């Protein structure tokens, strides 16, 4: 597979815009709460962008498509399960969590079900995120390696270099902005 210079320029310009806009959104982040909760001032569009940015990754698009090609519609369960999980969190946890003033669901569960529930939920959530990120990174590595003619380790380094500024500088607002940009590009 070979790309023309216009393809490569478009790809680099898109990545540049996403990283700059995501990292640039950090200028309004002034505290830890601003980083993790966007100062509790996010509107519905920014929250939807954060969710889209989280869900519309390599594992939910490329990975699910590949799995559907191999095994059929049963591959849809990953995306369907993620959607149902987000709906359940919105219906049962969003309002109660917001009323408490806490930042995370593990904090909320720790308050209501004992001190052990918080760390346990944090560990389980972290493992789930790790598995999700591994799936997204693997599909991203394969895609970048194929498109750019790189080895898998070079593509992995490229992904890390793209993700670091977004994670360090963006916070929730950066995730929302990059999610909205992802949806606009799609």
N, C-alpha and C. Protein backbone atom coordinates (compact mmCIF):
# COMPACT_ATOMS: atom_id res chain seq x y z
N UNK A 1 0.85 -1.16 0.00
CA UNK A 1 0.00 0.00 0.00
C UNK A 1 0.91 1.24 0.00
N UNK A 2 0.65 2.13 -0.92
CA UNK A 2 1.42 3.38 -0.96
C UNK A 2 0.46 4.55 -0.90
N UNK A 3 0.91 5.57 -0.23
CA UNK A 3 0.12 6.78 -0.10
C UNK A 3 0.78 7.89 -0.90
N UNK A 4 -0.05 8.72 -1.46
CA UNK A 4 0.48 9.88 -2.18
C UNK A 4 0.91 10.94 -1.16
N UNK A 5 1.61 11.93 -1.62
CA UNK A 5 2.03 13.00 -0.71
C UNK A 5 0.82 13.77 -0.18
N UNK A 6 -0.25 13.85 -0.95
CA UNK A 6 -1.48 14.52 -0.48
C UNK A 6 -2.11 13.71 0.65
N UNK A 7 -2.11 12.39 0.53
CA UNK A 7 -2.63 11.54 1.61
C UNK A 7 -1.83 11.77 2.89
N UNK A 8 -0.51 11.70 2.77
CA UNK A 8 0.34 11.87 3.94
C UNK A 8 0.19 13.25 4.55
N UNK A 9 0.12 14.27 3.71
CA UNK A 9 -0.05 15.64 4.21
C UNK A 9 -1.39 15.78 4.94
N UNK A 10 -2.44 15.23 4.38
CA UNK A 10 -3.76 15.28 5.02
C UNK A 10 -3.75 14.55 6.35
N UNK A 11 -3.10 13.39 6.39
CA UNK A 11 -3.02 12.61 7.62
C UNK A 11 -2.25 13.39 8.69
N UNK A 12 -1.11 13.93 8.33
CA UNK A 12 -0.30 14.69 9.29
C UNK A 12 -1.03 15.96 9.75
N UNK A 13 -1.71 16.63 8.84
CA UNK A 13 -2.44 17.85 9.20
C UNK A 13 -3.57 17.52 10.17
N UNK A 14 -4.28 16.42 9.94
CA UNK A 14 -5.37 16.02 10.82
C UNK A 14 -4.84 15.70 12.22
N UNK A 15 -3.77 14.90 12.28
CA UNK A 15 -3.18 14.57 13.58
C UNK A 15 -2.67 15.81 14.29
N UNK A 16 -2.04 16.72 13.56
CA UNK A 16 -1.53 17.95 14.14
C UNK A 16 -2.66 18.78 14.73
N UNK A 17 -3.74 18.93 13.98
CA UNK A 17 -4.87 19.74 14.45
C UNK A 17 -5.47 19.13 15.72
N UNK A 18 -5.65 17.82 15.73
CA UNK A 18 -6.25 17.17 16.90
C UNK A 18 -5.35 17.33 18.13
N UNK A 19 -4.05 17.09 17.98
CA UNK A 19 -3.15 17.21 19.13
C UNK A 19 -3.07 18.65 19.62
N UNK A 20 -2.96 19.61 18.70
CA UNK A 20 -2.85 21.02 19.10
C UNK A 20 -4.13 21.51 19.77
N UNK A 21 -5.28 21.18 19.19
CA UNK A 21 -6.54 21.64 19.78
C UNK A 21 -6.78 20.97 21.13
N UNK A 22 -6.48 19.67 21.23
CA UNK A 22 -6.66 18.96 22.49
C UNK A 22 -5.74 19.51 23.56
N UNK A 23 -4.46 19.64 23.24
CA UNK A 23 -3.51 20.16 24.22
C UNK A 23 -3.80 21.64 24.52
N UNK A 24 -4.24 22.39 23.52
CA UNK A 24 -4.56 23.80 23.72
C UNK A 24 -5.76 24.03 24.61
N UNK A 25 -6.63 23.04 24.70
CA UNK A 25 -7.81 23.20 25.55
C UNK A 25 -7.43 23.21 27.03
N UNK A 26 -6.19 22.84 27.32
CA UNK A 26 -5.72 22.80 28.71
C UNK A 26 -5.52 24.18 29.30
N UNK A 27 -5.50 25.22 28.48
CA UNK A 27 -5.29 26.56 29.02
C UNK A 27 -6.34 26.94 30.04
N UNK A 28 -7.53 26.38 29.92
CA UNK A 28 -8.60 26.72 30.87
C UNK A 28 -8.59 25.81 32.10
N UNK A 29 -7.68 24.83 32.14
CA UNK A 29 -7.60 23.92 33.28
C UNK A 29 -6.69 24.53 34.34
N UNK A 30 -7.26 24.83 35.52
CA UNK A 30 -6.50 25.49 36.57
C UNK A 30 -6.40 24.66 37.85
N UNK A 31 -7.07 23.51 37.90
CA UNK A 31 -7.05 22.70 39.12
C UNK A 31 -7.22 21.23 38.76
N UNK A 32 -7.05 20.37 39.76
CA UNK A 32 -7.25 18.94 39.55
C UNK A 32 -8.70 18.65 39.16
N UNK A 33 -9.65 19.36 39.79
CA UNK A 33 -11.05 19.18 39.44
C UNK A 33 -11.32 19.68 38.02
N UNK A 34 -10.65 20.72 37.62
CA UNK A 34 -10.78 21.22 36.26
C UNK A 34 -10.26 20.21 35.24
N UNK A 35 -9.19 19.48 35.62
CA UNK A 35 -8.63 18.46 34.74
C UNK A 35 -9.55 17.26 34.62
N UNK A 36 -10.03 16.77 35.78
CA UNK A 36 -10.82 15.53 35.76
C UNK A 36 -12.30 15.74 35.48
N UNK A 37 -12.84 16.91 35.82
CA UNK A 37 -14.28 17.14 35.65
C UNK A 37 -14.60 18.40 34.85
N UNK A 38 -13.59 19.03 34.29
CA UNK A 38 -13.79 20.26 33.51
C UNK A 38 -14.48 21.33 34.37
N UNK A 39 -14.12 21.34 35.66
CA UNK A 39 -14.69 22.33 36.55
C UNK A 39 -16.18 22.19 36.77
N UNK A 40 -16.72 21.01 36.49
CA UNK A 40 -18.16 20.75 36.60
C UNK A 40 -19.01 21.70 35.77
N UNK A 41 -18.42 22.20 34.69
CA UNK A 41 -19.15 23.15 33.85
C UNK A 41 -19.34 22.64 32.43
N UNK A 42 -19.12 21.38 32.19
CA UNK A 42 -19.28 20.82 30.84
C UNK A 42 -20.74 20.80 30.44
N UNK A 43 -20.99 21.21 29.23
CA UNK A 43 -22.33 21.09 28.68
C UNK A 43 -22.53 19.72 28.08
N UNK A 44 -23.73 19.46 27.61
CA UNK A 44 -24.06 18.15 27.05
C UNK A 44 -23.20 17.82 25.83
N UNK A 45 -22.87 18.82 25.03
CA UNK A 45 -22.08 18.57 23.82
C UNK A 45 -20.66 18.13 24.19
N UNK A 46 -20.05 18.78 25.17
CA UNK A 46 -18.69 18.42 25.57
C UNK A 46 -18.67 17.04 26.24
N UNK A 47 -19.69 16.73 27.03
CA UNK A 47 -19.77 15.41 27.65
C UNK A 47 -19.96 14.35 26.57
N UNK A 48 -20.82 14.62 25.59
CA UNK A 48 -21.01 13.68 24.49
C UNK A 48 -19.71 13.49 23.72
N UNK A 49 -18.96 14.58 23.53
CA UNK A 49 -17.67 14.48 22.86
C UNK A 49 -16.69 13.62 23.65
N UNK A 50 -16.70 13.74 24.97
CA UNK A 50 -15.83 12.92 25.82
C UNK A 50 -16.18 11.45 25.68
N UNK A 51 -17.45 11.16 25.70
CA UNK A 51 -17.90 9.77 25.57
C UNK A 51 -17.57 9.24 24.18
N UNK A 52 -17.82 10.05 23.15
CA UNK A 52 -17.50 9.63 21.79
C UNK A 52 -16.01 9.41 21.63
N UNK A 53 -15.20 10.31 22.23
CA UNK A 53 -13.75 10.15 22.15
C UNK A 53 -13.28 8.88 22.82
N UNK A 54 -13.96 8.47 23.86
CA UNK A 54 -13.60 7.25 24.57
C UNK A 54 -14.08 6.02 23.79
N UNK A 55 -15.28 6.07 23.29
CA UNK A 55 -15.89 4.90 22.65
C UNK A 55 -15.46 4.71 21.21
N UNK A 56 -15.27 5.80 20.50
CA UNK A 56 -14.95 5.68 19.08
C UNK A 56 -13.44 5.64 18.94
N UNK A 57 -12.88 4.53 19.32
CA UNK A 57 -11.46 4.29 19.19
C UNK A 57 -11.24 3.07 18.32
N UNK A 58 -10.01 2.63 18.28
CA UNK A 58 -9.68 1.50 17.42
C UNK A 58 -10.41 0.22 17.78
N UNK A 59 -10.61 -0.02 19.09
CA UNK A 59 -11.27 -1.27 19.48
C UNK A 59 -12.74 -1.27 19.10
N UNK A 60 -13.38 -0.11 19.11
CA UNK A 60 -14.81 -0.05 18.79
C UNK A 60 -15.06 0.10 17.29
N UNK A 61 -14.05 0.42 16.53
CA UNK A 61 -14.25 0.59 15.09
C UNK A 61 -13.50 -0.48 14.32
N UNK A 62 -12.19 -0.37 14.27
CA UNK A 62 -11.39 -1.31 13.48
C UNK A 62 -11.49 -2.72 14.05
N UNK A 63 -11.30 -2.85 15.39
CA UNK A 63 -11.34 -4.16 16.01
C UNK A 63 -12.68 -4.85 15.86
N UNK A 64 -13.76 -4.12 16.06
CA UNK A 64 -15.10 -4.70 15.94
C UNK A 64 -15.40 -5.06 14.49
N UNK A 65 -14.96 -4.23 13.58
CA UNK A 65 -15.17 -4.52 12.16
C UNK A 65 -14.43 -5.78 11.74
N UNK A 66 -13.17 -5.89 12.18
CA UNK A 66 -12.40 -7.09 11.85
C UNK A 66 -13.04 -8.32 12.45
N UNK A 67 -13.43 -8.23 13.71
CA UNK A 67 -14.06 -9.37 14.37
C UNK A 67 -15.38 -9.72 13.70
N UNK A 68 -16.16 -8.72 13.29
CA UNK A 68 -17.43 -8.99 12.59
C UNK A 68 -17.17 -9.69 11.26
N UNK A 69 -16.10 -9.32 10.58
CA UNK A 69 -15.75 -9.97 9.32
C UNK A 69 -15.43 -11.44 9.55
N UNK A 70 -14.77 -11.73 10.69
CA UNK A 70 -14.35 -13.09 10.97
C UNK A 70 -15.48 -13.93 11.54
N UNK A 71 -16.23 -13.40 12.54
CA UNK A 71 -17.21 -14.22 13.25
C UNK A 71 -18.66 -13.80 13.04
N UNK A 72 -18.88 -12.69 12.37
CA UNK A 72 -20.25 -12.25 12.12
C UNK A 72 -20.74 -11.23 13.13
N UNK A 73 -22.05 -11.10 13.21
CA UNK A 73 -22.66 -10.06 14.03
C UNK A 73 -22.43 -10.21 15.52
N UNK A 74 -21.98 -11.38 15.96
CA UNK A 74 -21.73 -11.54 17.39
C UNK A 74 -20.64 -10.59 17.88
N UNK A 75 -19.81 -10.08 16.98
CA UNK A 75 -18.77 -9.12 17.35
C UNK A 75 -19.37 -7.80 17.83
N UNK A 76 -20.63 -7.59 17.55
CA UNK A 76 -21.31 -6.36 17.93
C UNK A 76 -21.46 -6.22 19.44
N UNK A 77 -21.29 -7.28 20.18
CA UNK A 77 -21.53 -7.25 21.62
C UNK A 77 -20.61 -6.28 22.35
N UNK A 78 -19.39 -6.10 21.87
CA UNK A 78 -18.48 -5.15 22.52
C UNK A 78 -19.07 -3.75 22.48
N UNK A 79 -19.44 -3.30 21.30
CA UNK A 79 -19.98 -1.96 21.14
C UNK A 79 -21.35 -1.84 21.82
N UNK A 80 -22.17 -2.85 21.69
CA UNK A 80 -23.49 -2.85 22.32
C UNK A 80 -23.36 -2.81 23.85
N UNK A 81 -22.44 -3.61 24.39
CA UNK A 81 -22.22 -3.62 25.84
C UNK A 81 -21.72 -2.28 26.34
N UNK A 82 -20.85 -1.63 25.58
CA UNK A 82 -20.36 -0.32 25.96
C UNK A 82 -21.52 0.68 25.98
N UNK A 83 -22.37 0.62 24.99
CA UNK A 83 -23.53 1.52 24.94
C UNK A 83 -24.47 1.31 26.10
N UNK A 84 -24.78 0.06 26.42
CA UNK A 84 -25.66 -0.23 27.56
C UNK A 84 -25.01 0.20 28.87
N UNK A 85 -23.71 -0.03 29.01
CA UNK A 85 -23.02 0.39 30.22
C UNK A 85 -23.08 1.90 30.41
N UNK A 86 -22.90 2.65 29.34
CA UNK A 86 -22.97 4.11 29.43
C UNK A 86 -24.39 4.58 29.76
N UNK A 87 -25.38 3.91 29.19
CA UNK A 87 -26.77 4.27 29.50
C UNK A 87 -27.07 4.01 30.98
N UNK A 88 -26.63 2.85 31.49
CA UNK A 88 -26.85 2.53 32.91
C UNK A 88 -26.16 3.55 33.81
N UNK A 89 -24.94 3.94 33.46
CA UNK A 89 -24.24 4.95 34.26
C UNK A 89 -24.97 6.28 34.22
N UNK A 90 -25.49 6.65 33.05
CA UNK A 90 -26.20 7.92 32.93
C UNK A 90 -27.49 7.90 33.75
N UNK A 91 -28.21 6.80 33.72
CA UNK A 91 -29.50 6.72 34.40
C UNK A 91 -29.34 6.59 35.91
N UNK A 92 -28.40 5.73 36.36
CA UNK A 92 -28.33 5.42 37.78
C UNK A 92 -27.23 6.14 38.56
N UNK A 93 -26.17 6.60 37.89
CA UNK A 93 -25.04 7.15 38.63
C UNK A 93 -24.80 8.64 38.41
N UNK A 94 -25.15 9.17 37.26
CA UNK A 94 -24.77 10.56 36.95
C UNK A 94 -25.36 11.56 37.93
N UNK A 95 -26.66 11.54 38.12
CA UNK A 95 -27.28 12.51 39.03
C UNK A 95 -26.85 12.32 40.49
N UNK A 96 -26.90 11.10 41.03
CA UNK A 96 -26.44 10.93 42.41
C UNK A 96 -24.97 11.33 42.60
N UNK A 97 -24.13 11.00 41.64
CA UNK A 97 -22.72 11.36 41.75
C UNK A 97 -22.53 12.87 41.72
N UNK A 98 -23.26 13.53 40.85
CA UNK A 98 -23.16 15.00 40.75
C UNK A 98 -23.62 15.67 42.05
N UNK A 99 -24.69 15.15 42.65
CA UNK A 99 -25.21 15.74 43.90
C UNK A 99 -24.23 15.61 45.07
N UNK A 100 -23.42 14.56 45.07
CA UNK A 100 -22.49 14.35 46.18
C UNK A 100 -21.28 15.28 46.12
N UNK A 101 -20.95 15.76 44.94
CA UNK A 101 -19.75 16.58 44.80
C UNK A 101 -18.48 15.76 44.65
N UNK A 102 -18.59 14.45 44.62
CA UNK A 102 -17.43 13.59 44.43
C UNK A 102 -17.04 13.58 42.95
N UNK A 103 -15.83 13.11 42.68
CA UNK A 103 -15.34 13.14 41.30
C UNK A 103 -15.51 11.83 40.55
N UNK A 104 -15.45 10.70 41.26
CA UNK A 104 -15.44 9.41 40.56
C UNK A 104 -16.47 8.45 41.14
N UNK A 105 -16.82 7.46 40.36
CA UNK A 105 -17.73 6.41 40.82
C UNK A 105 -17.09 5.60 41.95
N UNK A 106 -15.78 5.26 41.90
CA UNK A 106 -15.18 4.57 43.05
C UNK A 106 -15.31 5.36 44.36
N UNK A 107 -15.17 6.68 44.31
CA UNK A 107 -15.37 7.49 45.51
C UNK A 107 -16.81 7.35 46.01
N UNK A 108 -17.75 7.42 45.09
CA UNK A 108 -19.18 7.31 45.43
C UNK A 108 -19.47 5.95 46.06
N UNK A 109 -18.97 4.88 45.44
CA UNK A 109 -19.22 3.54 45.99
C UNK A 109 -18.54 3.36 47.33
N UNK A 110 -17.36 3.97 47.52
CA UNK A 110 -16.67 3.89 48.80
C UNK A 110 -17.46 4.56 49.91
N UNK A 111 -18.10 5.68 49.62
CA UNK A 111 -18.91 6.37 50.62
C UNK A 111 -20.14 5.54 50.99
N UNK A 112 -20.77 4.91 50.00
CA UNK A 112 -22.02 4.21 50.24
C UNK A 112 -21.88 2.75 50.64
N UNK A 113 -20.75 2.11 50.27
CA UNK A 113 -20.62 0.67 50.54
C UNK A 113 -19.37 0.32 51.35
N UNK A 114 -18.75 1.30 51.94
CA UNK A 114 -17.58 1.04 52.79
C UNK A 114 -16.27 1.38 52.10
N UNK A 115 -15.26 1.57 52.94
CA UNK A 115 -13.96 2.01 52.44
C UNK A 115 -13.34 1.04 51.44
N UNK A 116 -13.59 -0.25 51.59
CA UNK A 116 -12.98 -1.25 50.70
C UNK A 116 -13.55 -1.18 49.29
N UNK A 117 -14.77 -0.70 49.15
CA UNK A 117 -15.41 -0.65 47.82
C UNK A 117 -14.70 0.33 46.89
N UNK A 118 -14.21 1.44 47.42
CA UNK A 118 -13.55 2.45 46.59
C UNK A 118 -12.30 1.93 45.90
N UNK A 119 -11.31 1.43 46.67
CA UNK A 119 -10.10 0.91 46.03
C UNK A 119 -10.37 -0.29 45.13
N UNK A 120 -11.28 -1.17 45.56
CA UNK A 120 -11.60 -2.33 44.74
C UNK A 120 -12.19 -1.90 43.39
N UNK A 121 -13.11 -0.96 43.42
CA UNK A 121 -13.70 -0.45 42.19
C UNK A 121 -12.65 0.26 41.33
N UNK A 122 -11.74 0.97 41.96
CA UNK A 122 -10.67 1.64 41.21
C UNK A 122 -9.80 0.62 40.49
N UNK A 123 -9.45 -0.45 41.16
CA UNK A 123 -8.61 -1.49 40.54
C UNK A 123 -9.34 -2.14 39.38
N UNK A 124 -10.61 -2.49 39.60
CA UNK A 124 -11.39 -3.14 38.54
C UNK A 124 -11.56 -2.19 37.35
N UNK A 125 -11.85 -0.92 37.62
CA UNK A 125 -12.00 0.07 36.55
C UNK A 125 -10.69 0.26 35.79
N UNK A 126 -9.60 0.30 36.53
CA UNK A 126 -8.29 0.48 35.89
C UNK A 126 -7.95 -0.71 35.00
N UNK A 127 -8.26 -1.91 35.44
CA UNK A 127 -8.02 -3.09 34.61
C UNK A 127 -8.87 -3.05 33.35
N UNK A 128 -10.13 -2.66 33.50
CA UNK A 128 -10.99 -2.54 32.33
C UNK A 128 -10.47 -1.52 31.33
N UNK A 129 -10.03 -0.37 31.85
CA UNK A 129 -9.44 0.65 30.97
C UNK A 129 -8.17 0.15 30.30
N UNK A 130 -7.36 -0.59 31.04
CA UNK A 130 -6.13 -1.14 30.47
C UNK A 130 -6.45 -2.07 29.31
N UNK A 131 -7.41 -2.97 29.49
CA UNK A 131 -7.78 -3.88 28.41
C UNK A 131 -8.31 -3.12 27.20
N UNK A 132 -9.12 -2.11 27.46
CA UNK A 132 -9.68 -1.31 26.38
C UNK A 132 -8.57 -0.56 25.63
N UNK A 133 -7.63 0.00 26.38
CA UNK A 133 -6.54 0.75 25.74
C UNK A 133 -5.61 -0.17 24.96
N UNK A 134 -5.38 -1.38 25.46
CA UNK A 134 -4.56 -2.33 24.72
C UNK A 134 -5.23 -2.66 23.39
N UNK A 135 -6.54 -2.89 23.41
CA UNK A 135 -7.25 -3.19 22.17
C UNK A 135 -7.18 -2.02 21.20
N UNK A 136 -7.34 -0.81 21.70
CA UNK A 136 -7.25 0.37 20.83
C UNK A 136 -5.84 0.56 20.30
N UNK A 137 -4.84 0.37 21.17
CA UNK A 137 -3.46 0.56 20.74
C UNK A 137 -3.06 -0.49 19.70
N UNK A 138 -3.47 -1.73 19.90
CA UNK A 138 -3.12 -2.77 18.92
C UNK A 138 -3.69 -2.48 17.55
N UNK A 139 -4.95 -2.04 17.50
CA UNK A 139 -5.53 -1.72 16.20
C UNK A 139 -4.87 -0.48 15.61
N UNK A 140 -4.53 0.49 16.46
CA UNK A 140 -3.85 1.70 15.99
C UNK A 140 -2.46 1.39 15.47
N UNK A 141 -1.74 0.51 16.17
CA UNK A 141 -0.40 0.12 15.72
C UNK A 141 -0.48 -0.56 14.36
N UNK A 142 -1.42 -1.49 14.21
CA UNK A 142 -1.56 -2.18 12.92
C UNK A 142 -1.91 -1.21 11.80
N UNK A 143 -2.81 -0.29 12.07
CA UNK A 143 -3.23 0.67 11.05
C UNK A 143 -2.10 1.62 10.67
N UNK A 144 -1.42 2.18 11.66
CA UNK A 144 -0.32 3.11 11.37
C UNK A 144 0.83 2.40 10.68
N UNK A 145 1.15 1.20 11.13
CA UNK A 145 2.23 0.44 10.50
C UNK A 145 1.90 0.16 9.03
N UNK A 146 0.67 -0.21 8.75
CA UNK A 146 0.26 -0.50 7.38
C UNK A 146 0.27 0.75 6.51
N UNK A 147 -0.33 1.81 6.98
CA UNK A 147 -0.46 3.03 6.19
C UNK A 147 0.90 3.70 5.95
N UNK A 148 1.71 3.75 6.99
CA UNK A 148 2.98 4.50 6.91
C UNK A 148 4.17 3.63 6.59
N UNK A 149 3.98 2.32 6.48
CA UNK A 149 5.09 1.43 6.17
C UNK A 149 6.12 1.33 7.29
N UNK A 150 5.65 1.42 8.53
CA UNK A 150 6.53 1.36 9.69
C UNK A 150 6.49 -0.03 10.31
N UNK A 151 7.49 -0.31 11.14
CA UNK A 151 7.45 -1.55 11.92
C UNK A 151 6.45 -1.34 13.06
N UNK A 152 5.96 -2.43 13.64
CA UNK A 152 5.02 -2.27 14.75
C UNK A 152 5.57 -1.45 15.91
N UNK A 153 6.83 -1.61 16.27
CA UNK A 153 7.37 -0.85 17.40
C UNK A 153 7.46 0.63 17.05
N UNK A 154 7.79 0.97 15.81
CA UNK A 154 7.82 2.38 15.40
C UNK A 154 6.42 2.99 15.46
N UNK A 155 5.43 2.24 15.00
CA UNK A 155 4.04 2.72 15.07
C UNK A 155 3.61 2.89 16.52
N UNK A 156 4.02 1.96 17.40
CA UNK A 156 3.69 2.08 18.82
C UNK A 156 4.31 3.33 19.45
N UNK A 157 5.56 3.62 19.09
CA UNK A 157 6.21 4.83 19.59
C UNK A 157 5.45 6.06 19.09
N UNK A 158 5.01 6.03 17.82
CA UNK A 158 4.24 7.14 17.26
C UNK A 158 2.94 7.38 18.03
N UNK A 159 2.26 6.30 18.37
CA UNK A 159 1.01 6.43 19.13
C UNK A 159 1.29 7.03 20.50
N UNK A 160 2.33 6.56 21.17
CA UNK A 160 2.67 7.10 22.49
C UNK A 160 2.97 8.59 22.39
N UNK A 161 3.71 8.99 21.36
CA UNK A 161 4.05 10.41 21.20
C UNK A 161 2.83 11.26 20.88
N UNK A 162 1.82 10.69 20.26
CA UNK A 162 0.58 11.41 19.99
C UNK A 162 -0.31 11.50 21.24
N UNK A 163 -0.29 10.45 22.05
CA UNK A 163 -1.18 10.39 23.20
C UNK A 163 -0.65 11.23 24.37
N UNK A 164 0.65 11.26 24.57
CA UNK A 164 1.22 11.95 25.74
C UNK A 164 0.74 13.40 25.87
N UNK A 165 0.84 14.25 24.83
CA UNK A 165 0.39 15.63 25.04
C UNK A 165 -1.12 15.73 25.32
N UNK A 166 -1.87 14.84 24.71
CA UNK A 166 -3.32 14.88 24.94
C UNK A 166 -3.67 14.51 26.37
N UNK A 167 -2.99 13.50 26.92
CA UNK A 167 -3.27 13.07 28.29
C UNK A 167 -2.74 14.08 29.30
N UNK A 168 -1.51 14.54 29.10
CA UNK A 168 -0.90 15.44 30.06
C UNK A 168 -1.57 16.81 30.11
N UNK A 169 -2.02 17.28 28.98
CA UNK A 169 -2.52 18.65 28.93
C UNK A 169 -4.04 18.76 28.82
N UNK A 170 -4.68 17.79 28.23
CA UNK A 170 -6.08 17.95 27.90
C UNK A 170 -7.09 17.74 28.99
N UNK A 171 -6.94 16.69 29.80
CA UNK A 171 -7.94 16.37 30.80
C UNK A 171 -9.28 16.06 30.16
N UNK A 172 -10.35 16.23 30.92
CA UNK A 172 -11.68 15.93 30.41
C UNK A 172 -12.06 16.87 29.28
N UNK A 173 -11.69 18.12 29.39
CA UNK A 173 -12.02 19.05 28.31
C UNK A 173 -11.30 18.65 27.02
N UNK A 174 -10.05 18.25 27.13
CA UNK A 174 -9.31 17.78 25.96
C UNK A 174 -9.93 16.53 25.35
N UNK A 175 -10.39 15.62 26.22
CA UNK A 175 -11.05 14.41 25.73
C UNK A 175 -12.34 14.77 25.00
N UNK A 176 -13.08 15.72 25.54
CA UNK A 176 -14.32 16.15 24.89
C UNK A 176 -14.06 16.81 23.55
N UNK A 177 -13.08 17.68 23.51
CA UNK A 177 -12.76 18.38 22.26
C UNK A 177 -12.24 17.39 21.22
N UNK A 178 -11.34 16.48 21.62
CA UNK A 178 -10.83 15.52 20.64
C UNK A 178 -11.92 14.57 20.19
N UNK A 179 -12.85 14.20 21.09
CA UNK A 179 -13.98 13.36 20.69
C UNK A 179 -14.86 14.04 19.67
N UNK A 180 -15.12 15.33 19.89
CA UNK A 180 -15.92 16.09 18.91
C UNK A 180 -15.19 16.17 17.57
N UNK A 181 -13.88 16.36 17.61
CA UNK A 181 -13.11 16.39 16.36
C UNK A 181 -13.14 15.03 15.66
N UNK A 182 -13.03 13.95 16.43
CA UNK A 182 -13.12 12.61 15.84
C UNK A 182 -14.47 12.42 15.12
N UNK A 183 -15.53 12.83 15.79
CA UNK A 183 -16.85 12.68 15.19
C UNK A 183 -16.99 13.54 13.94
N UNK A 184 -16.44 14.74 13.96
CA UNK A 184 -16.50 15.62 12.79
C UNK A 184 -15.73 15.00 11.62
N UNK A 185 -14.58 14.41 11.91
CA UNK A 185 -13.79 13.78 10.86
C UNK A 185 -14.50 12.58 10.29
N UNK A 186 -15.12 11.78 11.18
CA UNK A 186 -15.87 10.61 10.69
C UNK A 186 -17.06 11.06 9.86
